[in-house]
């Protein structure tokens, strides 16, 4: 059974970001504000969208993402599968 992020001491935050190039979400888009709850972040997007002076658009991105690494056995299996399909 997987443990939640909070039980591992990782506090999840939700960032309201502004698109630089709509509709493409990029890591370097500016963060406008951070929230602890997704509902508050969604309300923040609505708030900033109403207050925008130009055609600025906003979206919610959840952070931090938990990085999961494959085991050596999984890596070998993936490599073999790709080679058998001729993709590698």
PDB file of N, CA and C in Angstrom:
ATOM      1  N   UNK A   1       0.840  -1.178   0.000  1.00  0.00           N
ATOM      2  CA  UNK A   1       0.000   0.000   0.000  1.00  0.00           C
ATOM      3  C   UNK A   1       0.889   1.247   0.000  1.00  0.00           C
ATOM      4  N   UNK A   2       0.537   2.213  -0.847  1.00  0.00           N
ATOM      5  CA  UNK A   2       1.327   3.430  -0.932  1.00  0.00           C
ATOM      6  C   UNK A   2       0.917   4.408   0.159  1.00  0.00           C
ATOM      7  N   UNK A   3       1.916   5.081   0.697  1.00  0.00           N
ATOM      8  CA  UNK A   3       1.648   6.111   1.699  1.00  0.00           C
ATOM      9  C   UNK A   3       1.431   7.434   0.982  1.00  0.00           C
ATOM     10  N   UNK A   4       0.620   8.283   1.570  1.00  0.00           N
ATOM     11  CA  UNK A   4       0.349   9.586   0.976  1.00  0.00           C
ATOM     12  C   UNK A   4       1.576  10.478   1.100  1.00  0.00           C
ATOM     13  N   UNK A   5       1.597  11.538   0.292  1.00  0.00           N
ATOM     14  CA  UNK A   5       2.712  12.492   0.363  1.00  0.00           C
ATOM     15  C   UNK A   5       2.780  13.151   1.732  1.00  0.00           C
ATOM     16  N   UNK A   6       1.617  13.485   2.300  1.00  0.00           N
ATOM     17  CA  UNK A   6       1.587  14.158   3.602  1.00  0.00           C
ATOM     18  C   UNK A   6       2.167  13.267   4.695  1.00  0.00           C
ATOM     19  N   UNK A   7       1.902  11.965   4.620  1.00  0.00           N
ATOM     20  CA  UNK A   7       2.426  11.058   5.638  1.00  0.00           C
ATOM     21  C   UNK A   7       3.936  10.906   5.526  1.00  0.00           C
ATOM     22  N   UNK A   8       4.499  11.244   4.359  1.00  0.00           N
ATOM     23  CA  UNK A   8       5.947  11.191   4.177  1.00  0.00           C
ATOM     24  C   UNK A   8       6.619  12.534   4.431  1.00  0.00           C
ATOM     25  N   UNK A   9       5.851  13.507   4.892  1.00  0.00           N
ATOM     26  CA  UNK A   9       6.422  14.817   5.205  1.00  0.00           C
ATOM     27  C   UNK A   9       6.520  15.745   4.015  1.00  0.00           C
ATOM     28  N   UNK A  10       5.861  15.397   2.899  1.00  0.00           N
ATOM     29  CA  UNK A  10       5.874  16.248   1.713  1.00  0.00           C
ATOM     30  C   UNK A  10       4.542  16.969   1.640  1.00  0.00           C
ATOM     31  N   UNK A  11       4.585  18.282   1.738  1.00  0.00           N
ATOM     32  CA  UNK A  11       3.353  19.056   1.669  1.00  0.00           C
ATOM     33  C   UNK A  11       3.106  19.472   0.229  1.00  0.00           C
ATOM     34  N   UNK A  12       1.973  19.099  -0.295  1.00  0.00           N
ATOM     35  CA  UNK A  12       1.653  19.393  -1.685  1.00  0.00           C
ATOM     36  C   UNK A  12       1.118  20.816  -1.784  1.00  0.00           C
ATOM     37  N   UNK A  13       1.607  21.534  -2.764  1.00  0.00           N
ATOM     38  CA  UNK A  13       1.133  22.892  -3.004  1.00  0.00           C
ATOM     39  C   UNK A  13       0.595  22.980  -4.421  1.00  0.00           C
ATOM     40  N   UNK A  14      -0.275  23.933  -4.629  1.00  0.00           N
ATOM     41  CA  UNK A  14      -0.870  24.153  -5.942  1.00  0.00           C
ATOM     42  C   UNK A  14      -0.521  25.564  -6.379  1.00  0.00           C
ATOM     43  N   UNK A  15       0.137  25.681  -7.511  1.00  0.00           N
ATOM     44  CA  UNK A  15       0.586  26.973  -8.010  1.00  0.00           C
ATOM     45  C   UNK A  15      -0.351  27.471  -9.096  1.00  0.00           C
ATOM     46  N   UNK A  16      -0.717  28.747  -9.006  1.00  0.00           N
ATOM     47  CA  UNK A  16      -1.435  29.392 -10.099  1.00  0.00           C
ATOM     48  C   UNK A  16      -0.367  30.037 -10.962  1.00  0.00           C
ATOM     49  N   UNK A  17      -0.312  29.610 -12.227  1.00  0.00           N
ATOM     50  CA  UNK A  17       0.695  30.118 -13.153  1.00  0.00           C
ATOM     51  C   UNK A  17       0.017  30.866 -14.290  1.00  0.00           C
ATOM     52  N   UNK A  18       0.779  31.751 -14.885  1.00  0.00           N
ATOM     53  CA  UNK A  18       0.295  32.523 -16.033  1.00  0.00           C
ATOM     54  C   UNK A  18       0.938  31.962 -17.298  1.00  0.00           C
ATOM     55  N   UNK A  19       0.112  31.681 -18.302  1.00  0.00           N
ATOM     56  CA  UNK A  19       0.629  31.177 -19.573  1.00  0.00           C
ATOM     57  C   UNK A  19       1.524  32.232 -20.228  1.00  0.00           C
ATOM     58  N   UNK A  20       2.672  31.799 -20.746  1.00  0.00           N
ATOM     59  CA  UNK A  20       3.468  32.670 -21.616  1.00  0.00           C
ATOM     60  C   UNK A  20       2.993  32.487 -23.043  1.00  0.00           C
ATOM     61  N   UNK A  21       2.734  31.225 -23.421  1.00  0.00           N
ATOM     62  CA  UNK A  21       2.249  30.894 -24.764  1.00  0.00           C
ATOM     63  C   UNK A  21       1.054  29.959 -24.615  1.00  0.00           C
ATOM     64  N   UNK A  22      -0.152  30.522 -24.610  1.00  0.00           N
ATOM     65  CA  UNK A  22      -1.358  29.707 -24.489  1.00  0.00           C
ATOM     66  C   UNK A  22      -1.514  28.866 -25.738  1.00  0.00           C
ATOM     67  N   UNK A  23      -1.820  27.619 -25.693  1.00  0.00           N
ATOM     68  CA  UNK A  23      -2.233  26.731 -24.608  1.00  0.00           C
ATOM     69  C   UNK A  23      -1.111  25.846 -24.078  1.00  0.00           C
ATOM     70  N   UNK A  24       0.152  26.212 -24.279  1.00  0.00           N
ATOM     71  CA  UNK A  24       1.275  25.374 -23.869  1.00  0.00           C
ATOM     72  C   UNK A  24       1.709  25.699 -22.447  1.00  0.00           C
ATOM     73  N   UNK A  25       1.625  24.698 -21.564  1.00  0.00           N
ATOM     74  CA  UNK A  25       2.081  24.858 -20.178  1.00  0.00           C
ATOM     75  C   UNK A  25       3.565  24.563 -20.130  1.00  0.00           C
ATOM     76  N   UNK A  26       4.334  25.493 -19.584  1.00  0.00           N
ATOM     77  CA  UNK A  26       5.790  25.334 -19.531  1.00  0.00           C
ATOM     78  C   UNK A  26       6.272  25.488 -18.100  1.00  0.00           C
ATOM     79  N   UNK A  27       7.401  24.859 -17.795  1.00  0.00           N
ATOM     80  CA  UNK A  27       7.960  24.937 -16.445  1.00  0.00           C
ATOM     81  C   UNK A  27       8.381  26.351 -16.076  1.00  0.00           C
ATOM     82  N   UNK A  28       8.747  27.156 -17.072  1.00  0.00           N
ATOM     83  CA  UNK A  28       9.229  28.506 -16.762  1.00  0.00           C
ATOM     84  C   UNK A  28       8.121  29.555 -16.803  1.00  0.00           C
ATOM     85  N   UNK A  29       6.846  29.128 -16.851  1.00  0.00           N
ATOM     86  CA  UNK A  29       5.746  30.091 -16.741  1.00  0.00           C
ATOM     87  C   UNK A  29       5.788  30.722 -15.353  1.00  0.00           C
ATOM     88  N   UNK A  30       5.520  32.024 -15.260  1.00  0.00           N
ATOM     89  CA  UNK A  30       5.610  32.696 -13.957  1.00  0.00           C
ATOM     90  C   UNK A  30       4.522  32.228 -12.983  1.00  0.00           C
ATOM     91  N   UNK A  31       4.933  32.006 -11.726  1.00  0.00           N
ATOM     92  CA  UNK A  31       4.011  31.622 -10.661  1.00  0.00           C
ATOM     93  C   UNK A  31       3.401  32.900 -10.085  1.00  0.00           C
ATOM     94  N   UNK A  32       2.075  32.969 -10.085  1.00  0.00           N
ATOM     95  CA  UNK A  32       1.384  34.145  -9.568  1.00  0.00           C
ATOM     96  C   UNK A  32       1.161  34.007  -8.065  1.00  0.00           C
ATOM     97  N   UNK A  33       0.689  32.814  -7.634  1.00  0.00           N
ATOM     98  CA  UNK A  33       0.431  32.584  -6.214  1.00  0.00           C
ATOM     99  C   UNK A  33       0.381  31.088  -5.948  1.00  0.00           C
ATOM    100  N   UNK A  34       0.668  30.693  -4.686  1.00  0.00           N
ATOM    101  CA  UNK A  34       0.607  29.292  -4.288  1.00  0.00           C
ATOM    102  C   UNK A  34      -0.496  29.091  -3.260  1.00  0.00           C
ATOM    103  N   UNK A  35      -1.162  27.942  -3.349  1.00  0.00           N
ATOM    104  CA  UNK A  35      -2.241  27.597  -2.426  1.00  0.00           C
ATOM    105  C   UNK A  35      -1.999  26.196  -1.883  1.00  0.00           C
ATOM    106  N   UNK A  36      -2.627  25.876  -0.740  1.00  0.00           N
ATOM    107  CA  UNK A  36      -2.498  24.548  -0.149  1.00  0.00           C
ATOM    108  C   UNK A  36      -3.601  23.599  -0.586  1.00  0.00           C
ATOM    109  N   UNK A  37      -4.714  24.135  -1.088  1.00  0.00           N
ATOM    110  CA  UNK A  37      -5.854  23.305  -1.467  1.00  0.00           C
ATOM    111  C   UNK A  37      -6.210  23.540  -2.935  1.00  0.00           C
ATOM    112  N   UNK A  38      -6.591  22.463  -3.653  1.00  0.00           N
ATOM    113  CA  UNK A  38      -6.900  22.624  -5.077  1.00  0.00           C
ATOM    114  C   UNK A  38      -8.112  23.516  -5.333  1.00  0.00           C
ATOM    115  N   UNK A  39      -9.092  23.478  -4.446  1.00  0.00           N
ATOM    116  CA  UNK A  39     -10.287  24.306  -4.631  1.00  0.00           C
ATOM    117  C   UNK A  39      -9.936  25.791  -4.536  1.00  0.00           C
ATOM    118  N   UNK A  40      -9.061  26.139  -3.585  1.00  0.00           N
ATOM    119  CA  UNK A  40      -8.620  27.526  -3.451  1.00  0.00           C
ATOM    120  C   UNK A  40      -7.831  27.966  -4.679  1.00  0.00           C
ATOM    121  N   UNK A  41      -7.019  27.066  -5.218  1.00  0.00           N
ATOM    122  CA  UNK A  41      -6.227  27.387  -6.415  1.00  0.00           C
ATOM    123  C   UNK A  41      -7.145  27.635  -7.610  1.00  0.00           C
ATOM    124  N   UNK A  42      -8.192  26.826  -7.745  1.00  0.00           N
ATOM    125  CA  UNK A  42      -9.142  27.022  -8.843  1.00  0.00           C
ATOM    126  C   UNK A  42      -9.861  28.365  -8.702  1.00  0.00           C
ATOM    127  N   UNK A  43     -10.186  28.736  -7.487  1.00  0.00           N
ATOM    128  CA  UNK A  43     -10.792  30.045  -7.251  1.00  0.00           C
ATOM    129  C   UNK A  43      -9.799  31.158  -7.568  1.00  0.00           C
ATOM    130  N   UNK A  44      -8.510  30.918  -7.279  1.00  0.00           N
ATOM    131  CA  UNK A  44      -7.473  31.887  -7.603  1.00  0.00           C
ATOM    132  C   UNK A  44      -7.355  32.121  -9.100  1.00  0.00           C
ATOM    133  N   UNK A  45      -7.489  31.055  -9.894  1.00  0.00           N
ATOM    134  CA  UNK A  45      -7.449  31.188 -11.351  1.00  0.00           C
ATOM    135  C   UNK A  45      -8.599  32.076 -11.813  1.00  0.00           C
ATOM    136  N   UNK A  46      -9.797  31.846 -11.264  1.00  0.00           N
ATOM    137  CA  UNK A  46     -10.953  32.670 -11.632  1.00  0.00           C
ATOM    138  C   UNK A  46     -10.725  34.126 -11.242  1.00  0.00           C
ATOM    139  N   UNK A  47     -10.177  34.336 -10.036  1.00  0.00           N
ATOM    140  CA  UNK A  47      -9.921  35.695  -9.550  1.00  0.00           C
ATOM    141  C   UNK A  47      -8.942  36.427 -10.460  1.00  0.00           C
ATOM    142  N   UNK A  48      -7.802  35.802 -10.774  1.00  0.00           N
ATOM    143  CA  UNK A  48      -6.795  36.460 -11.605  1.00  0.00           C
ATOM    144  C   UNK A  48      -7.288  36.659 -13.038  1.00  0.00           C
ATOM    145  N   UNK A  49      -8.094  35.740 -13.533  1.00  0.00           N
ATOM    146  CA  UNK A  49      -8.650  35.882 -14.886  1.00  0.00           C
ATOM    147  C   UNK A  49      -9.597  37.079 -14.969  1.00  0.00           C
ATOM    148  N   UNK A  50     -10.391  37.289 -13.924  1.00  0.00           N
ATOM    149  CA  UNK A  50     -11.301  38.448 -13.901  1.00  0.00           C
ATOM    150  C   UNK A  50     -10.538  39.757 -13.803  1.00  0.00           C
ATOM    151  N   UNK A  51      -9.405  39.735 -13.101  1.00  0.00           N
ATOM    152  CA  UNK A  51      -8.630  40.956 -12.863  1.00  0.00           C
ATOM    153  C   UNK A  51      -7.620  41.253 -13.973  1.00  0.00           C
ATOM    154  N   UNK A  52      -7.476  40.364 -14.944  1.00  0.00           N
ATOM    155  CA  UNK A  52      -6.478  40.549 -16.000  1.00  0.00           C
ATOM    156  C   UNK A  52      -6.820  41.768 -16.854  1.00  0.00           C
ATOM    157  N   UNK A  53      -5.818  42.560 -17.145  1.00  0.00           N
ATOM    158  CA  UNK A  53      -6.015  43.761 -17.949  1.00  0.00           C
ATOM    159  C   UNK A  53      -6.023  43.449 -19.443  1.00  0.00           C
ATOM    160  N   UNK A  54      -5.290  42.441 -19.839  1.00  0.00           N
ATOM    161  CA  UNK A  54      -5.231  42.060 -21.254  1.00  0.00           C
ATOM    162  C   UNK A  54      -5.784  40.643 -21.399  1.00  0.00           C
ATOM    163  N   UNK A  55      -5.369  39.948 -22.420  1.00  0.00           N
ATOM    164  CA  UNK A  55      -5.870  38.587 -22.638  1.00  0.00           C
ATOM    165  C   UNK A  55      -5.016  37.536 -21.923  1.00  0.00           C
ATOM    166  N   UNK A  56      -4.577  37.837 -20.708  1.00  0.00           N
ATOM    167  CA  UNK A  56      -3.770  36.904 -19.928  1.00  0.00           C
ATOM    168  C   UNK A  56      -4.625  35.707 -19.506  1.00  0.00           C
ATOM    169  N   UNK A  57      -3.996  34.533 -19.461  1.00  0.00           N
ATOM    170  CA  UNK A  57      -4.688  33.325 -19.025  1.00  0.00           C
ATOM    171  C   UNK A  57      -3.870  32.654 -17.933  1.00  0.00           C
ATOM    172  N   UNK A  58      -4.579  31.947 -17.055  1.00  0.00           N
ATOM    173  CA  UNK A  58      -3.951  31.324 -15.900  1.00  0.00           C
ATOM    174  C   UNK A  58      -4.381  29.862 -15.796  1.00  0.00           C
ATOM    175  N   UNK A  59      -3.574  29.073 -15.082  1.00  0.00           N
ATOM    176  CA  UNK A  59      -3.891  27.660 -14.851  1.00  0.00           C
ATOM    177  C   UNK A  59      -3.280  27.215 -13.533  1.00  0.00           C
ATOM    178  N   UNK A  60      -3.722  26.036 -13.052  1.00  0.00           N
ATOM    179  CA  UNK A  60      -3.217  25.479 -11.793  1.00  0.00           C
ATOM    180  C   UNK A  60      -2.252  24.349 -12.102  1.00  0.00           C
ATOM    181  N   UNK A  61      -1.107  24.360 -11.423  1.00  0.00           N
ATOM    182  CA  UNK A  61      -0.129  23.287 -11.544  1.00  0.00           C
ATOM    183  C   UNK A  61       0.145  22.778 -10.132  1.00  0.00           C
ATOM    184  N   UNK A  62       0.074  21.460  -9.946  1.00  0.00           N
ATOM    185  CA  UNK A  62       0.344  20.928  -8.614  1.00  0.00           C
ATOM    186  C   UNK A  62       1.819  20.614  -8.469  1.00  0.00           C
ATOM    187  N   UNK A  63       2.378  20.980  -7.361  1.00  0.00           N
ATOM    188  CA  UNK A  63       3.772  20.748  -7.022  1.00  0.00           C
ATOM    189  C   UNK A  63       3.850  20.315  -5.582  1.00  0.00           C
ATOM    190  N   UNK A  64       4.774  19.594  -5.089  1.00  0.00           N
ATOM    191  CA  UNK A  64       5.842  18.991  -5.862  1.00  0.00           C
ATOM    192  C   UNK A  64       5.388  17.666  -6.459  1.00  0.00           C
ATOM    193  N   UNK A  65       5.987  17.303  -7.552  1.00  0.00           N
ATOM    194  CA  UNK A  65       5.717  15.998  -8.134  1.00  0.00           C
ATOM    195  C   UNK A  65       6.667  15.000  -7.489  1.00  0.00           C
ATOM    196  N   UNK A  66       6.147  13.844  -7.181  1.00  0.00           N
ATOM    197  CA  UNK A  66       6.983  12.814  -6.597  1.00  0.00           C
ATOM    198  C   UNK A  66       7.718  12.101  -7.724  1.00  0.00           C
ATOM    199  N   UNK A  67       9.026  12.103  -7.658  1.00  0.00           N
ATOM    200  CA  UNK A  67       9.819  11.455  -8.701  1.00  0.00           C
ATOM    201  C   UNK A  67       9.923   9.971  -8.386  1.00  0.00           C
ATOM    202  N   UNK A  68       9.520   9.160  -9.338  1.00  0.00           N
ATOM    203  CA  UNK A  68       9.574   7.713  -9.168  1.00  0.00           C
ATOM    204  C   UNK A  68      10.583   7.164 -10.157  1.00  0.00           C
ATOM    205  N   UNK A  69      11.553   6.423  -9.655  1.00  0.00           N
ATOM    206  CA  UNK A  69      12.576   5.840 -10.518  1.00  0.00           C
ATOM    207  C   UNK A  69      12.286   4.359 -10.719  1.00  0.00           C
ATOM    208  N   UNK A  70      12.535   3.905 -11.917  1.00  0.00           N
ATOM    209  CA  UNK A  70      12.350   2.498 -12.228  1.00  0.00           C
ATOM    210  C   UNK A  70      13.501   1.681 -11.648  1.00  0.00           C
ATOM    211  N   UNK A  71      13.200   0.455 -11.276  1.00  0.00           N
ATOM    212  CA  UNK A  71      14.257  -0.440 -10.797  1.00  0.00           C
ATOM    213  C   UNK A  71      15.060  -0.920 -12.004  1.00  0.00           C
ATOM    214  N   UNK A  72      16.205  -1.531 -11.727  1.00  0.00           N
ATOM    215  CA  UNK A  72      17.041  -2.042 -12.822  1.00  0.00           C
ATOM    216  C   UNK A  72      16.289  -3.089 -13.633  1.00  0.00           C
ATOM    217  N   UNK A  73      15.514  -3.941 -12.952  1.00  0.00           N
ATOM    218  CA  UNK A  73      14.739  -4.978 -13.637  1.00  0.00           C
ATOM    219  C   UNK A  73      13.701  -4.342 -14.572  1.00  0.00           C
ATOM    220  N   UNK A  74      13.028  -3.282 -14.102  1.00  0.00           N
ATOM    221  CA  UNK A  74      12.047  -2.593 -14.940  1.00  0.00           C
ATOM    222  C   UNK A  74      12.720  -1.923 -16.128  1.00  0.00           C
ATOM    223  N   UNK A  75      13.893  -1.334 -15.913  1.00  0.00           N
ATOM    224  CA  UNK A  75      14.640  -0.694 -16.998  1.00  0.00           C
ATOM    225  C   UNK A  75      15.031  -1.715 -18.066  1.00  0.00           C
ATOM    226  N   UNK A  76      15.520  -2.884 -17.623  1.00  0.00           N
ATOM    227  CA  UNK A  76      15.902  -3.942 -18.572  1.00  0.00           C
ATOM    228  C   UNK A  76      14.680  -4.407 -19.367  1.00  0.00           C
ATOM    229  N   UNK A  77      13.547  -4.583 -18.674  1.00  0.00           N
ATOM    230  CA  UNK A  77      12.326  -5.016 -19.348  1.00  0.00           C
ATOM    231  C   UNK A  77      11.872  -4.012 -20.393  1.00  0.00           C
ATOM    232  N   UNK A  78      11.940  -2.740 -20.063  1.00  0.00           N
ATOM    233  CA  UNK A  78      11.552  -1.679 -20.999  1.00  0.00           C
ATOM    234  C   UNK A  78      12.501  -1.657 -22.197  1.00  0.00           C
ATOM    235  N   UNK A  79      13.788  -1.781 -21.918  1.00  0.00           N
ATOM    236  CA  UNK A  79      14.777  -1.776 -22.994  1.00  0.00           C
ATOM    237  C   UNK A  79      14.545  -2.956 -23.939  1.00  0.00           C
ATOM    238  N   UNK A  80      14.303  -4.128 -23.374  1.00  0.00           N
ATOM    239  CA  UNK A  80      14.043  -5.322 -24.201  1.00  0.00           C
ATOM    240  C   UNK A  80      12.773  -5.156 -25.017  1.00  0.00           C
ATOM    241  N   UNK A  81      11.735  -4.592 -24.427  1.00  0.00           N
ATOM    242  CA  UNK A  81      10.470  -4.380 -25.137  1.00  0.00           C
ATOM    243  C   UNK A  81      10.656  -3.413 -26.298  1.00  0.00           C
ATOM    244  N   UNK A  82      11.418  -2.345 -26.078  1.00  0.00           N
ATOM    245  CA  UNK A  82      11.661  -1.368 -27.139  1.00  0.00           C
ATOM    246  C   UNK A  82      12.488  -1.987 -28.266  1.00  0.00           C
ATOM    247  N   UNK A  83      13.481  -2.794 -27.901  1.00  0.00           N
ATOM    248  CA  UNK A  83      14.310  -3.436 -28.922  1.00  0.00           C
ATOM    249  C   UNK A  83      13.512  -4.441 -29.731  1.00  0.00           C
ATOM    250  N   UNK A  84      12.612  -5.160 -29.083  1.00  0.00           N
ATOM    251  CA  UNK A  84      11.814  -6.163 -29.804  1.00  0.00           C
ATOM    252  C   UNK A  84      10.820  -5.502 -30.771  1.00  0.00           C
ATOM    253  N   UNK A  85      10.435  -4.260 -30.476  1.00  0.00           N
ATOM    254  CA  UNK A  85       9.538  -3.527 -31.374  1.00  0.00           C
ATOM    255  C   UNK A  85      10.299  -2.772 -32.453  1.00  0.00           C
ATOM    256  N   UNK A  86      11.618  -2.752 -32.333  1.00  0.00           N
ATOM    257  CA  UNK A  86      12.432  -2.035 -33.315  1.00  0.00           C
ATOM    258  C   UNK A  86      12.486  -0.534 -33.063  1.00  0.00           C
ATOM    259  N   UNK A  87      12.171  -0.115 -31.855  1.00  0.00           N
ATOM    260  CA  UNK A  87      12.189   1.310 -31.534  1.00  0.00           C
ATOM    261  C   UNK A  87      13.513   1.775 -30.962  1.00  0.00           C
ATOM    262  N   UNK A  88      14.422   0.857 -30.757  1.00  0.00           N
ATOM    263  CA  UNK A  88      15.688   1.248 -30.173  1.00  0.00           C
ATOM    264  C   UNK A  88      16.830   0.735 -30.956  1.00  0.00           C
TER     265      UNK A  88
END
